[in-house]
């Protein structure tokens, strides 16, 4: 199973979970109605699949993957990095601050403790 099919199935599972849980939380317990949620969950994924401009699942996605992953290596397009430079910088800063705060709370957390000696 290729990665596109796996991504489609994962997206379908999320849609089904959202549709079925919304019905269930609203008090609908009829199995027929819950099964209809399975079909309803398929609609968003199918719409994305048939949309040629959808970069994740549409027909364009295959061309983008071929253009940026000629050797099968993961590469982030330069255009994406340039367009999202500020957001990426904020994420990196938040990540570094989180790690620094965690280290302040427990400075030994990252240090591997020796195993106790057997008697």
PDB file of N, CA and C in Angstrom:
ATOM      1  N   UNK A   1       0.849  -1.167   0.000  1.00  0.00           N
ATOM      2  CA  UNK A   1       0.000   0.000   0.000  1.00  0.00           C
ATOM      3  C   UNK A   1       0.903   1.242   0.000  1.00  0.00           C
ATOM      4  N   UNK A   2       0.698   2.136  -0.964  1.00  0.00           N
ATOM      5  CA  UNK A   2       1.570   3.301  -1.039  1.00  0.00           C
ATOM      6  C   UNK A   2       1.157   4.372  -0.032  1.00  0.00           C
ATOM      7  N   UNK A   3       1.989   5.386   0.108  1.00  0.00           N
ATOM      8  CA  UNK A   3       1.760   6.404   1.128  1.00  0.00           C
ATOM      9  C   UNK A   3       0.509   7.228   0.851  1.00  0.00           C
ATOM     10  N   UNK A   4       0.165   7.416  -0.430  1.00  0.00           N
ATOM     11  CA  UNK A   4      -1.030   8.195  -0.751  1.00  0.00           C
ATOM     12  C   UNK A   4      -2.289   7.464  -0.275  1.00  0.00           C
ATOM     13  N   UNK A   5      -2.329   6.171  -0.478  1.00  0.00           N
ATOM     14  CA  UNK A   5      -3.488   5.384  -0.034  1.00  0.00           C
ATOM     15  C   UNK A   5      -3.561   5.383   1.490  1.00  0.00           C
ATOM     16  N   UNK A   6      -2.407   5.254   2.148  1.00  0.00           N
ATOM     17  CA  UNK A   6      -2.394   5.291   3.613  1.00  0.00           C
ATOM     18  C   UNK A   6      -2.901   6.634   4.122  1.00  0.00           C
ATOM     19  N   UNK A   7      -2.478   7.717   3.474  1.00  0.00           N
ATOM     20  CA  UNK A   7      -2.935   9.048   3.878  1.00  0.00           C
ATOM     21  C   UNK A   7      -4.435   9.201   3.654  1.00  0.00           C
ATOM     22  N   UNK A   8      -4.935   8.663   2.537  1.00  0.00           N
ATOM     23  CA  UNK A   8      -6.371   8.710   2.266  1.00  0.00           C
ATOM     24  C   UNK A   8      -7.150   7.947   3.337  1.00  0.00           C
ATOM     25  N   UNK A   9      -6.673   6.759   3.687  1.00  0.00           N
ATOM     26  CA  UNK A   9      -7.354   5.949   4.705  1.00  0.00           C
ATOM     27  C   UNK A   9      -7.322   6.626   6.075  1.00  0.00           C
ATOM     28  N   UNK A  10      -6.188   7.254   6.407  1.00  0.00           N
ATOM     29  CA  UNK A  10      -6.094   7.961   7.686  1.00  0.00           C
ATOM     30  C   UNK A  10      -7.055   9.144   7.711  1.00  0.00           C
ATOM     31  N   UNK A  11      -7.149   9.856   6.614  1.00  0.00           N
ATOM     32  CA  UNK A  11      -8.072  10.985   6.526  1.00  0.00           C
ATOM     33  C   UNK A  11      -9.517  10.499   6.639  1.00  0.00           C
ATOM     34  N   UNK A  12      -9.823   9.381   5.977  1.00  0.00           N
ATOM     35  CA  UNK A  12     -11.164   8.798   6.057  1.00  0.00           C
ATOM     36  C   UNK A  12     -11.483   8.397   7.492  1.00  0.00           C
ATOM     37  N   UNK A  13     -10.510   7.799   8.170  1.00  0.00           N
ATOM     38  CA  UNK A  13     -10.741   7.370   9.556  1.00  0.00           C
ATOM     39  C   UNK A  13     -11.040   8.576  10.451  1.00  0.00           C
ATOM     40  N   UNK A  14     -10.324   9.677  10.234  1.00  0.00           N
ATOM     41  CA  UNK A  14     -10.594  10.880  11.028  1.00  0.00           C
ATOM     42  C   UNK A  14     -11.991  11.420  10.746  1.00  0.00           C
ATOM     43  N   UNK A  15     -12.366  11.437   9.474  1.00  0.00           N
ATOM     44  CA  UNK A  15     -13.693  11.943   9.111  1.00  0.00           C
ATOM     45  C   UNK A  15     -14.793  11.071   9.702  1.00  0.00           C
ATOM     46  N   UNK A  16     -14.620   9.755   9.637  1.00  0.00           N
ATOM     47  CA  UNK A  16     -15.616   8.829  10.187  1.00  0.00           C
ATOM     48  C   UNK A  16     -15.706   8.998  11.694  1.00  0.00           C
ATOM     49  N   UNK A  17     -14.573   9.116  12.338  1.00  0.00           N
ATOM     50  CA  UNK A  17     -14.569   9.297  13.786  1.00  0.00           C
ATOM     51  C   UNK A  17     -15.313  10.574  14.159  1.00  0.00           C
ATOM     52  N   UNK A  18     -15.074  11.640  13.418  1.00  0.00           N
ATOM     53  CA  UNK A  18     -15.759  12.905  13.707  1.00  0.00           C
ATOM     54  C   UNK A  18     -17.261  12.780  13.484  1.00  0.00           C
ATOM     55  N   UNK A  19     -17.654  12.186  12.375  1.00  0.00           N
ATOM     56  CA  UNK A  19     -19.083  12.065  12.067  1.00  0.00           C
ATOM     57  C   UNK A  19     -19.795  11.155  13.064  1.00  0.00           C
ATOM     58  N   UNK A  20     -19.218   9.990  13.335  1.00  0.00           N
ATOM     59  CA  UNK A  20     -19.858   9.032  14.247  1.00  0.00           C
ATOM     60  C   UNK A  20     -19.886   9.548  15.681  1.00  0.00           C
ATOM     61  N   UNK A  21     -18.797  10.167  16.120  1.00  0.00           N
ATOM     62  CA  UNK A  21     -18.784  10.666  17.499  1.00  0.00           C
ATOM     63  C   UNK A  21     -19.749  11.837  17.671  1.00  0.00           C
ATOM     64  N   UNK A  22     -19.892  12.676  16.634  1.00  0.00           N
ATOM     65  CA  UNK A  22     -20.857  13.775  16.727  1.00  0.00           C
ATOM     66  C   UNK A  22     -22.271  13.231  16.880  1.00  0.00           C
ATOM     67  N   UNK A  23     -22.597  12.212  16.108  1.00  0.00           N
ATOM     68  CA  UNK A  23     -23.927  11.607  16.233  1.00  0.00           C
ATOM     69  C   UNK A  23     -24.115  10.975  17.606  1.00  0.00           C
ATOM     70  N   UNK A  24     -23.138  10.206  18.033  1.00  0.00           N
ATOM     71  CA  UNK A  24     -23.242   9.502  19.301  1.00  0.00           C
ATOM     72  C   UNK A  24     -23.369  10.483  20.464  1.00  0.00           C
ATOM     73  N   UNK A  25     -22.554  11.542  20.452  1.00  0.00           N
ATOM     74  CA  UNK A  25     -22.606  12.530  21.527  1.00  0.00           C
ATOM     75  C   UNK A  25     -23.911  13.319  21.512  1.00  0.00           C
ATOM     76  N   UNK A  26     -24.553  13.379  20.347  1.00  0.00           N
ATOM     77  CA  UNK A  26     -25.856  14.048  20.255  1.00  0.00           C
ATOM     78  C   UNK A  26     -26.989  13.146  20.725  1.00  0.00           C
ATOM     79  N   UNK A  27     -26.652  11.901  21.063  1.00  0.00           N
ATOM     80  CA  UNK A  27     -27.655  11.000  21.593  1.00  0.00           C
ATOM     81  C   UNK A  27     -28.194  10.001  20.591  1.00  0.00           C
ATOM     82  N   UNK A  28     -27.640   9.975  19.395  1.00  0.00           N
ATOM     83  CA  UNK A  28     -28.100   9.026  18.377  1.00  0.00           C
ATOM     84  C   UNK A  28     -27.384   7.701  18.623  1.00  0.00           C
ATOM     85  N   UNK A  29     -28.148   6.651  18.880  1.00  0.00           N
ATOM     86  CA  UNK A  29     -27.545   5.341  19.119  1.00  0.00           C
ATOM     87  C   UNK A  29     -28.039   4.285  18.138  1.00  0.00           C
ATOM     88  N   UNK A  30     -28.862   4.697  17.191  1.00  0.00           N
ATOM     89  CA  UNK A  30     -29.378   3.768  16.192  1.00  0.00           C
ATOM     90  C   UNK A  30     -28.228   3.314  15.292  1.00  0.00           C
ATOM     91  N   UNK A  31     -27.944   2.009  15.213  1.00  0.00           N
ATOM     92  CA  UNK A  31     -26.834   1.512  14.402  1.00  0.00           C
ATOM     93  C   UNK A  31     -26.920   1.934  12.932  1.00  0.00           C
ATOM     94  N   UNK A  32     -28.134   2.010  12.398  1.00  0.00           N
ATOM     95  CA  UNK A  32     -28.286   2.412  11.000  1.00  0.00           C
ATOM     96  C   UNK A  32     -27.792   3.851  10.796  1.00  0.00           C
ATOM     97  N   UNK A  33     -28.130   4.727  11.721  1.00  0.00           N
ATOM     98  CA  UNK A  33     -27.682   6.110  11.626  1.00  0.00           C
ATOM     99  C   UNK A  33     -26.168   6.219  11.796  1.00  0.00           C
ATOM    100  N   UNK A  34     -25.624   5.413  12.702  1.00  0.00           N
ATOM    101  CA  UNK A  34     -24.173   5.434  12.900  1.00  0.00           C
ATOM    102  C   UNK A  34     -23.441   4.890  11.670  1.00  0.00           C
ATOM    103  N   UNK A  35     -24.042   3.889  11.001  1.00  0.00           N
ATOM    104  CA  UNK A  35     -23.443   3.385   9.767  1.00  0.00           C
ATOM    105  C   UNK A  35     -23.495   4.432   8.658  1.00  0.00           C
ATOM    106  N   UNK A  36     -24.543   5.236   8.665  1.00  0.00           N
ATOM    107  CA  UNK A  36     -24.622   6.327   7.683  1.00  0.00           C
ATOM    108  C   UNK A  36     -23.492   7.329   7.907  1.00  0.00           C
ATOM    109  N   UNK A  37     -23.050   7.436   9.146  1.00  0.00           N
ATOM    110  CA  UNK A  37     -21.914   8.313   9.435  1.00  0.00           C
ATOM    111  C   UNK A  37     -20.656   7.808   8.736  1.00  0.00           C
ATOM    112  N   UNK A  38     -20.554   6.477   8.560  1.00  0.00           N
ATOM    113  CA  UNK A  38     -19.417   5.927   7.814  1.00  0.00           C
ATOM    114  C   UNK A  38     -19.409   6.455   6.385  1.00  0.00           C
ATOM    115  N   UNK A  39     -20.579   6.478   5.780  1.00  0.00           N
ATOM    116  CA  UNK A  39     -20.681   7.003   4.414  1.00  0.00           C
ATOM    117  C   UNK A  39     -20.451   8.506   4.388  1.00  0.00           C
ATOM    118  N   UNK A  40     -20.986   9.202   5.378  1.00  0.00           N
ATOM    119  CA  UNK A  40     -20.800  10.655   5.430  1.00  0.00           C
ATOM    120  C   UNK A  40     -19.332  11.016   5.606  1.00  0.00           C
ATOM    121  N   UNK A  41     -18.596  10.195   6.325  1.00  0.00           N
ATOM    122  CA  UNK A  41     -17.172  10.446   6.524  1.00  0.00           C
ATOM    123  C   UNK A  41     -16.364  10.287   5.253  1.00  0.00           C
ATOM    124  N   UNK A  42     -16.902   9.560   4.302  1.00  0.00           N
ATOM    125  CA  UNK A  42     -16.199   9.345   3.038  1.00  0.00           C
ATOM    126  C   UNK A  42     -16.265  10.574   2.130  1.00  0.00           C
ATOM    127  N   UNK A  43     -17.298  11.369   2.263  1.00  0.00           N
ATOM    128  CA  UNK A  43     -17.496  12.505   1.359  1.00  0.00           C
ATOM    129  C   UNK A  43     -16.340  13.509   1.359  1.00  0.00           C
ATOM    130  N   UNK A  44     -15.863  13.990   2.520  1.00  0.00           N
ATOM    131  CA  UNK A  44     -14.770  14.960   2.468  1.00  0.00           C
ATOM    132  C   UNK A  44     -13.506  14.406   1.809  1.00  0.00           C
ATOM    133  N   UNK A  45     -13.219  13.148   2.077  1.00  0.00           N
ATOM    134  CA  UNK A  45     -12.021  12.530   1.497  1.00  0.00           C
ATOM    135  C   UNK A  45     -12.192  12.370  -0.011  1.00  0.00           C
ATOM    136  N   UNK A  46     -13.368  11.957  -0.438  1.00  0.00           N
ATOM    137  CA  UNK A  46     -13.617  11.792  -1.871  1.00  0.00           C
ATOM    138  C   UNK A  46     -13.536  13.133  -2.593  1.00  0.00           C
ATOM    139  N   UNK A  47     -14.058  14.175  -1.974  1.00  0.00           N
ATOM    140  CA  UNK A  47     -13.982  15.501  -2.585  1.00  0.00           C
ATOM    141  C   UNK A  47     -12.537  15.966  -2.725  1.00  0.00           C
ATOM    142  N   UNK A  48     -11.726  15.686  -1.733  1.00  0.00           N
ATOM    143  CA  UNK A  48     -10.315  16.060  -1.825  1.00  0.00           C
ATOM    144  C   UNK A  48      -9.608  15.248  -2.899  1.00  0.00           C
ATOM    145  N   UNK A  49      -9.974  13.986  -3.037  1.00  0.00           N
ATOM    146  CA  UNK A  49      -9.323  13.123  -4.016  1.00  0.00           C
ATOM    147  C   UNK A  49      -9.623  13.571  -5.449  1.00  0.00           C
ATOM    148  N   UNK A  50     -10.861  13.975  -5.714  1.00  0.00           N
ATOM    149  CA  UNK A  50     -11.221  14.352  -7.076  1.00  0.00           C
ATOM    150  C   UNK A  50     -10.840  15.797  -7.405  1.00  0.00           C
ATOM    151  N   UNK A  51     -10.436  16.569  -6.408  1.00  0.00           N
ATOM    152  CA  UNK A  51     -10.013  17.950  -6.639  1.00  0.00           C
ATOM    153  C   UNK A  51      -8.590  17.962  -7.188  1.00  0.00           C
ATOM    154  N   UNK A  52      -8.391  18.366  -8.442  1.00  0.00           N
ATOM    155  CA  UNK A  52      -7.052  18.330  -9.019  1.00  0.00           C
ATOM    156  C   UNK A  52      -6.099  19.343  -8.392  1.00  0.00           C
ATOM    157  N   UNK A  53      -6.627  20.342  -7.680  1.00  0.00           N
ATOM    158  CA  UNK A  53      -5.760  21.356  -7.078  1.00  0.00           C
ATOM    159  C   UNK A  53      -5.380  21.033  -5.641  1.00  0.00           C
ATOM    160  N   UNK A  54      -5.929  19.977  -5.079  1.00  0.00           N
ATOM    161  CA  UNK A  54      -5.607  19.597  -3.709  1.00  0.00           C
ATOM    162  C   UNK A  54      -4.181  19.076  -3.663  1.00  0.00           C
ATOM    163  N   UNK A  55      -3.334  19.757  -2.904  1.00  0.00           N
ATOM    164  CA  UNK A  55      -1.917  19.391  -2.875  1.00  0.00           C
ATOM    165  C   UNK A  55      -1.650  18.094  -2.115  1.00  0.00           C
ATOM    166  N   UNK A  56      -2.570  17.672  -1.252  1.00  0.00           N
ATOM    167  CA  UNK A  56      -2.332  16.463  -0.465  1.00  0.00           C
ATOM    168  C   UNK A  56      -2.769  15.198  -1.179  1.00  0.00           C
ATOM    169  N   UNK A  57      -3.990  15.200  -1.732  1.00  0.00           N
ATOM    170  CA  UNK A  57      -4.528  13.973  -2.306  1.00  0.00           C
ATOM    171  C   UNK A  57      -4.882  14.091  -3.778  1.00  0.00           C
ATOM    172  N   UNK A  58      -5.029  15.302  -4.263  1.00  0.00           N
ATOM    173  CA  UNK A  58      -5.468  15.482  -5.644  1.00  0.00           C
ATOM    174  C   UNK A  58      -4.425  15.056  -6.663  1.00  0.00           C
ATOM    175  N   UNK A  59      -4.772  15.190  -7.920  1.00  0.00           N
ATOM    176  CA  UNK A  59      -3.879  14.787  -8.999  1.00  0.00           C
ATOM    177  C   UNK A  59      -2.593  15.610  -8.993  1.00  0.00           C
ATOM    178  N   UNK A  60      -2.658  16.848  -8.492  1.00  0.00           N
ATOM    179  CA  UNK A  60      -1.471  17.703  -8.432  1.00  0.00           C
ATOM    180  C   UNK A  60      -0.442  17.121  -7.466  1.00  0.00           C
ATOM    181  N   UNK A  61      -0.915  16.447  -6.433  1.00  0.00           N
ATOM    182  CA  UNK A  61      -0.011  15.914  -5.419  1.00  0.00           C
ATOM    183  C   UNK A  61       1.030  14.986  -6.026  1.00  0.00           C
ATOM    184  N   UNK A  62       0.637  14.164  -6.980  1.00  0.00           N
ATOM    185  CA  UNK A  62       1.583  13.252  -7.602  1.00  0.00           C
ATOM    186  C   UNK A  62       2.684  14.017  -8.324  1.00  0.00           C
ATOM    187  N   UNK A  63       2.327  15.097  -9.015  1.00  0.00           N
ATOM    188  CA  UNK A  63       3.318  15.897  -9.725  1.00  0.00           C
ATOM    189  C   UNK A  63       4.248  16.607  -8.751  1.00  0.00           C
ATOM    190  N   UNK A  64       3.705  17.095  -7.649  1.00  0.00           N
ATOM    191  CA  UNK A  64       4.525  17.774  -6.652  1.00  0.00           C
ATOM    192  C   UNK A  64       5.523  16.802  -6.043  1.00  0.00           C
ATOM    193  N   UNK A  65       5.061  15.608  -5.733  1.00  0.00           N
ATOM    194  CA  UNK A  65       5.955  14.607  -5.149  1.00  0.00           C
ATOM    195  C   UNK A  65       7.067  14.264  -6.124  1.00  0.00           C
ATOM    196  N   UNK A  66       6.739  14.089  -7.380  1.00  0.00           N
ATOM    197  CA  UNK A  66       7.763  13.762  -8.371  1.00  0.00           C
ATOM    198  C   UNK A  66       8.762  14.898  -8.528  1.00  0.00           C
ATOM    199  N   UNK A  67       8.286  16.140  -8.448  1.00  0.00           N
ATOM    200  CA  UNK A  67       9.168  17.290  -8.622  1.00  0.00           C
ATOM    201  C   UNK A  67      10.119  17.467  -7.443  1.00  0.00           C
ATOM    202  N   UNK A  68       9.624  17.260  -6.230  1.00  0.00           N
ATOM    203  CA  UNK A  68      10.433  17.519  -5.050  1.00  0.00           C
ATOM    204  C   UNK A  68      11.077  16.278  -4.448  1.00  0.00           C
ATOM    205  N   UNK A  69      10.613  15.115  -4.833  1.00  0.00           N
ATOM    206  CA  UNK A  69      11.177  13.889  -4.278  1.00  0.00           C
ATOM    207  C   UNK A  69      11.669  12.956  -5.385  1.00  0.00           C
ATOM    208  N   UNK A  70      12.570  13.439  -6.243  1.00  0.00           N
ATOM    209  CA  UNK A  70      13.000  12.588  -7.348  1.00  0.00           C
ATOM    210  C   UNK A  70      13.721  11.324  -6.898  1.00  0.00           C
ATOM    211  N   UNK A  71      14.448  11.388  -5.796  1.00  0.00           N
ATOM    212  CA  UNK A  71      15.150  10.201  -5.298  1.00  0.00           C
ATOM    213  C   UNK A  71      14.418   9.570  -4.123  1.00  0.00           C
ATOM    214  N   UNK A  72      13.212  10.019  -3.847  1.00  0.00           N
ATOM    215  CA  UNK A  72      12.455   9.471  -2.737  1.00  0.00           C
ATOM    216  C   UNK A  72      12.862  10.033  -1.396  1.00  0.00           C
ATOM    217  N   UNK A  73      13.662  11.121  -1.386  1.00  0.00           N
ATOM    218  CA  UNK A  73      14.099  11.724  -0.140  1.00  0.00           C
ATOM    219  C   UNK A  73      13.093  12.792   0.293  1.00  0.00           C
ATOM    220  N   UNK A  74      12.939  12.955   1.591  1.00  0.00           N
ATOM    221  CA  UNK A  74      12.034  13.978   2.092  1.00  0.00           C
ATOM    222  C   UNK A  74      12.693  15.344   1.950  1.00  0.00           C
ATOM    223  N   UNK A  75      12.048  16.235   1.243  1.00  0.00           N
ATOM    224  CA  UNK A  75      12.580  17.572   1.007  1.00  0.00           C
ATOM    225  C   UNK A  75      11.452  18.576   1.221  1.00  0.00           C
ATOM    226  N   UNK A  76      11.746  19.643   1.941  1.00  0.00           N
ATOM    227  CA  UNK A  76      10.767  20.712   2.091  1.00  0.00           C
ATOM    228  C   UNK A  76      11.056  21.734   1.000  1.00  0.00           C
ATOM    229  N   UNK A  77      10.068  22.045   0.165  1.00  0.00           N
ATOM    230  CA  UNK A  77      10.299  22.990  -0.922  1.00  0.00           C
ATOM    231  C   UNK A  77      10.748  24.347  -0.400  1.00  0.00           C
ATOM    232  N   UNK A  78      11.718  24.960  -1.076  1.00  0.00           N
ATOM    233  CA  UNK A  78      12.251  26.263  -0.694  1.00  0.00           C
ATOM    234  C   UNK A  78      11.144  27.310  -0.659  1.00  0.00           C
ATOM    235  N   UNK A  79      10.202  27.222  -1.609  1.00  0.00           N
ATOM    236  CA  UNK A  79       9.107  28.192  -1.641  1.00  0.00           C
ATOM    237  C   UNK A  79       8.291  28.132  -0.348  1.00  0.00           C
ATOM    238  N   UNK A  80       8.073  26.926   0.135  1.00  0.00           N
ATOM    239  CA  UNK A  80       7.313  26.756   1.375  1.00  0.00           C
ATOM    240  C   UNK A  80       8.072  27.371   2.543  1.00  0.00           C
ATOM    241  N   UNK A  81       9.368  27.091   2.619  1.00  0.00           N
ATOM    242  CA  UNK A  81      10.182  27.639   3.701  1.00  0.00           C
ATOM    243  C   UNK A  81      10.182  29.162   3.657  1.00  0.00           C
ATOM    244  N   UNK A  82      10.316  29.733   2.458  1.00  0.00           N
ATOM    245  CA  UNK A  82      10.329  31.190   2.316  1.00  0.00           C
ATOM    246  C   UNK A  82       8.990  31.803   2.714  1.00  0.00           C
ATOM    247  N   UNK A  83       7.902  31.176   2.308  1.00  0.00           N
ATOM    248  CA  UNK A  83       6.575  31.712   2.604  1.00  0.00           C
ATOM    249  C   UNK A  83       6.225  31.604   4.081  1.00  0.00           C
ATOM    250  N   UNK A  84       6.791  30.627   4.767  1.00  0.00           N
ATOM    251  CA  UNK A  84       6.423  30.357   6.162  1.00  0.00           C
ATOM    252  C   UNK A  84       7.576  30.591   7.126  1.00  0.00           C
ATOM    253  N   UNK A  85       8.499  31.461   6.749  1.00  0.00           N
ATOM    254  CA  UNK A  85       9.704  31.688   7.553  1.00  0.00           C
ATOM    255  C   UNK A  85       9.362  32.134   8.974  1.00  0.00           C
ATOM    256  N   UNK A  86       8.430  33.086   9.120  1.00  0.00           N
ATOM    257  CA  UNK A  86       8.078  33.588  10.453  1.00  0.00           C
ATOM    258  C   UNK A  86       7.428  32.507  11.312  1.00  0.00           C
ATOM    259  N   UNK A  87       6.503  31.762  10.729  1.00  0.00           N
ATOM    260  CA  UNK A  87       5.819  30.704  11.481  1.00  0.00           C
ATOM    261  C   UNK A  87       6.811  29.623  11.909  1.00  0.00           C
ATOM    262  N   UNK A  88       7.732  29.269  11.039  1.00  0.00           N
ATOM    263  CA  UNK A  88       8.735  28.251  11.372  1.00  0.00           C
ATOM    264  C   UNK A  88       9.637  28.752  12.488  1.00  0.00           C
ATOM    265  N   UNK A  89      10.027  30.029  12.420  1.00  0.00           N
ATOM    266  CA  UNK A  89      10.880  30.605  13.461  1.00  0.00           C
ATOM    267  C   UNK A  89      10.160  30.580  14.815  1.00  0.00           C
ATOM    268  N   UNK A  90       8.850  30.892  14.821  1.00  0.00           N
ATOM    269  CA  UNK A  90       8.078  30.862  16.066  1.00  0.00           C
ATOM    270  C   UNK A  90       7.997  29.450  16.633  1.00  0.00           C
ATOM    271  N   UNK A  91       7.795  28.467  15.756  1.00  0.00           N
ATOM    272  CA  UNK A  91       7.728  27.080  16.215  1.00  0.00           C
ATOM    273  C   UNK A  91       9.058  26.629  16.816  1.00  0.00           C
ATOM    274  N   UNK A  92      10.151  26.976  16.166  1.00  0.00           N
ATOM    275  CA  UNK A  92      11.477  26.596  16.665  1.00  0.00           C
ATOM    276  C   UNK A  92      11.736  27.263  18.008  1.00  0.00           C
ATOM    277  N   UNK A  93      11.369  28.544  18.119  1.00  0.00           N
ATOM    278  CA  UNK A  93      11.559  29.272  19.378  1.00  0.00           C
ATOM    279  C   UNK A  93      10.737  28.634  20.500  1.00  0.00           C
ATOM    280  N   UNK A  94       9.479  28.318  20.218  1.00  0.00           N
ATOM    281  CA  UNK A  94       8.616  27.696  21.231  1.00  0.00           C
ATOM    282  C   UNK A  94       9.159  26.334  21.641  1.00  0.00           C
ATOM    283  N   UNK A  95       9.650  25.568  20.666  1.00  0.00           N
ATOM    284  CA  UNK A  95      10.218  24.252  20.965  1.00  0.00           C
ATOM    285  C   UNK A  95      11.439  24.389  21.875  1.00  0.00           C
ATOM    286  N   UNK A  96      12.317  25.319  21.542  1.00  0.00           N
ATOM    287  CA  UNK A  96      13.524  25.517  22.345  1.00  0.00           C
ATOM    288  C   UNK A  96      13.185  26.011  23.747  1.00  0.00           C
ATOM    289  N   UNK A  97      12.195  26.911  23.865  1.00  0.00           N
ATOM    290  CA  UNK A  97      11.790  27.404  25.182  1.00  0.00           C
ATOM    291  C   UNK A  97      11.178  26.292  26.025  1.00  0.00           C
ATOM    292  N   UNK A  98      10.396  25.440  25.408  1.00  0.00           N
ATOM    293  CA  UNK A  98       9.795  24.321  26.127  1.00  0.00           C
ATOM    294  C   UNK A  98      10.859  23.393  26.671  1.00  0.00           C
ATOM    295  N   UNK A  99      11.859  23.095  25.846  1.00  0.00           N
ATOM    296  CA  UNK A  99      12.942  22.218  26.305  1.00  0.00           C
ATOM    297  C   UNK A  99      13.763  22.887  27.395  1.00  0.00           C
ATOM    298  N   UNK A 100      13.993  24.196  27.281  1.00  0.00           N
ATOM    299  CA  UNK A 100      14.754  24.910  28.302  1.00  0.00           C
ATOM    300  C   UNK A 100      13.994  24.928  29.620  1.00  0.00           C
ATOM    301  N   UNK A 101      12.686  25.155  29.568  1.00  0.00           N
ATOM    302  CA  UNK A 101      11.875  25.159  30.787  1.00  0.00           C
ATOM    303  C   UNK A 101      11.838  23.785  31.438  1.00  0.00           C
ATOM    304  N   UNK A 102      11.754  22.759  30.634  1.00  0.00           N
ATOM    305  CA  UNK A 102      11.760  21.397  31.179  1.00  0.00           C
ATOM    306  C   UNK A 102      13.096  21.093  31.841  1.00  0.00           C
ATOM    307  N   UNK A 103      14.186  21.569  31.252  1.00  0.00           N
ATOM    308  CA  UNK A 103      15.510  21.329  31.831  1.00  0.00           C
ATOM    309  C   UNK A 103      15.669  22.088  33.152  1.00  0.00           C
ATOM    310  N   UNK A 104      15.054  23.274  33.251  1.00  0.00           N
ATOM    311  CA  UNK A 104      15.132  24.039  34.496  1.00  0.00           C
ATOM    312  C   UNK A 104      14.380  23.338  35.616  1.00  0.00           C
ATOM    313  N   UNK A 105      13.226  22.743  35.288  1.00  0.00           N
ATOM    314  CA  UNK A 105      12.420  22.064  36.296  1.00  0.00           C
ATOM    315  C   UNK A 105      13.111  20.810  36.798  1.00  0.00           C
ATOM    316  N   UNK A 106      13.720  20.053  35.903  1.00  0.00           N
ATOM    317  CA  UNK A 106      14.382  18.805  36.269  1.00  0.00           C
ATOM    318  C   UNK A 106      15.675  18.678  35.468  1.00  0.00           C
ATOM    319  N   UNK A 107      16.763  19.264  35.958  1.00  0.00           N
ATOM    320  CA  UNK A 107      18.012  19.243  35.191  1.00  0.00           C
ATOM    321  C   UNK A 107      18.583  17.846  34.986  1.00  0.00           C
ATOM    322  N   UNK A 108      18.155  16.873  35.772  1.00  0.00           N
ATOM    323  CA  UNK A 108      18.686  15.522  35.617  1.00  0.00           C
ATOM    324  C   UNK A 108      17.830  14.672  34.692  1.00  0.00           C
ATOM    325  N   UNK A 109      16.756  15.245  34.149  1.00  0.00           N
ATOM    326  CA  UNK A 109      15.836  14.455  33.327  1.00  0.00           C
ATOM    327  C   UNK A 109      16.514  13.917  32.084  1.00  0.00           C
ATOM    328  N   UNK A 110      17.414  14.708  31.515  1.00  0.00           N
ATOM    329  CA  UNK A 110      18.060  14.253  30.293  1.00  0.00           C
ATOM    330  C   UNK A 110      19.313  13.435  30.577  1.00  0.00           C
ATOM    331  N   UNK A 111      19.740  13.415  31.841  1.00  0.00           N
ATOM    332  CA  UNK A 111      20.932  12.653  32.207  1.00  0.00           C
ATOM    333  C   UNK A 111      20.519  11.227  32.516  1.00  0.00           C
ATOM    334  N   UNK A 112      21.210  10.276  31.908  1.00  0.00           N
ATOM    335  CA  UNK A 112      20.882   8.876  32.128  1.00  0.00           C
ATOM    336  C   UNK A 112      21.403   8.449  33.489  1.00  0.00           C
ATOM    337  N   UNK A 113      20.519   7.902  34.302  1.00  0.00           N
ATOM    338  CA  UNK A 113      20.901   7.469  35.637  1.00  0.00           C
ATOM    339  C   UNK A 113      21.463   6.050  35.556  1.00  0.00           C
ATOM    340  N   UNK A 114      22.521   5.797  36.325  1.00  0.00           N
ATOM    341  CA  UNK A 114      23.103   4.446  36.298  1.00  0.00           C
ATOM    342  C   UNK A 114      22.161   3.437  36.955  1.00  0.00           C
ATOM    343  N   UNK A 115      22.221   2.243  36.458  1.00  0.00           N
ATOM    344  CA  UNK A 115      21.397   1.165  37.014  1.00  0.00           C
ATOM    345  C   UNK A 115      21.916   0.808  38.398  1.00  0.00           C
ATOM    346  N   UNK A 116      21.014   0.466  39.320  1.00  0.00           N
ATOM    347  CA  UNK A 116      21.466   0.096  40.662  1.00  0.00           C
ATOM    348  C   UNK A 116      22.288  -1.194  40.605  1.00  0.00           C
ATOM    349  N   UNK A 117      23.293  -1.248  41.479  1.00  0.00           N
ATOM    350  CA  UNK A 117      24.170  -2.414  41.528  1.00  0.00           C
ATOM    351  C   UNK A 117      23.469  -3.565  42.239  1.00  0.00           C
ATOM    352  N   UNK A 118      23.694  -4.757  41.697  1.00  0.00           N
ATOM    353  CA  UNK A 118      23.115  -5.954  42.321  1.00  0.00           C
ATOM    354  C   UNK A 118      23.994  -6.368  43.479  1.00  0.00           C
ATOM    355  N   UNK A 119      23.362  -6.857  44.542  1.00  0.00           N
ATOM    356  CA  UNK A 119      24.106  -7.285  45.731  1.00  0.00           C
ATOM    357  C   UNK A 119      24.407  -8.737  45.700  1.00  0.00           C
TER     358      UNK A 119
END
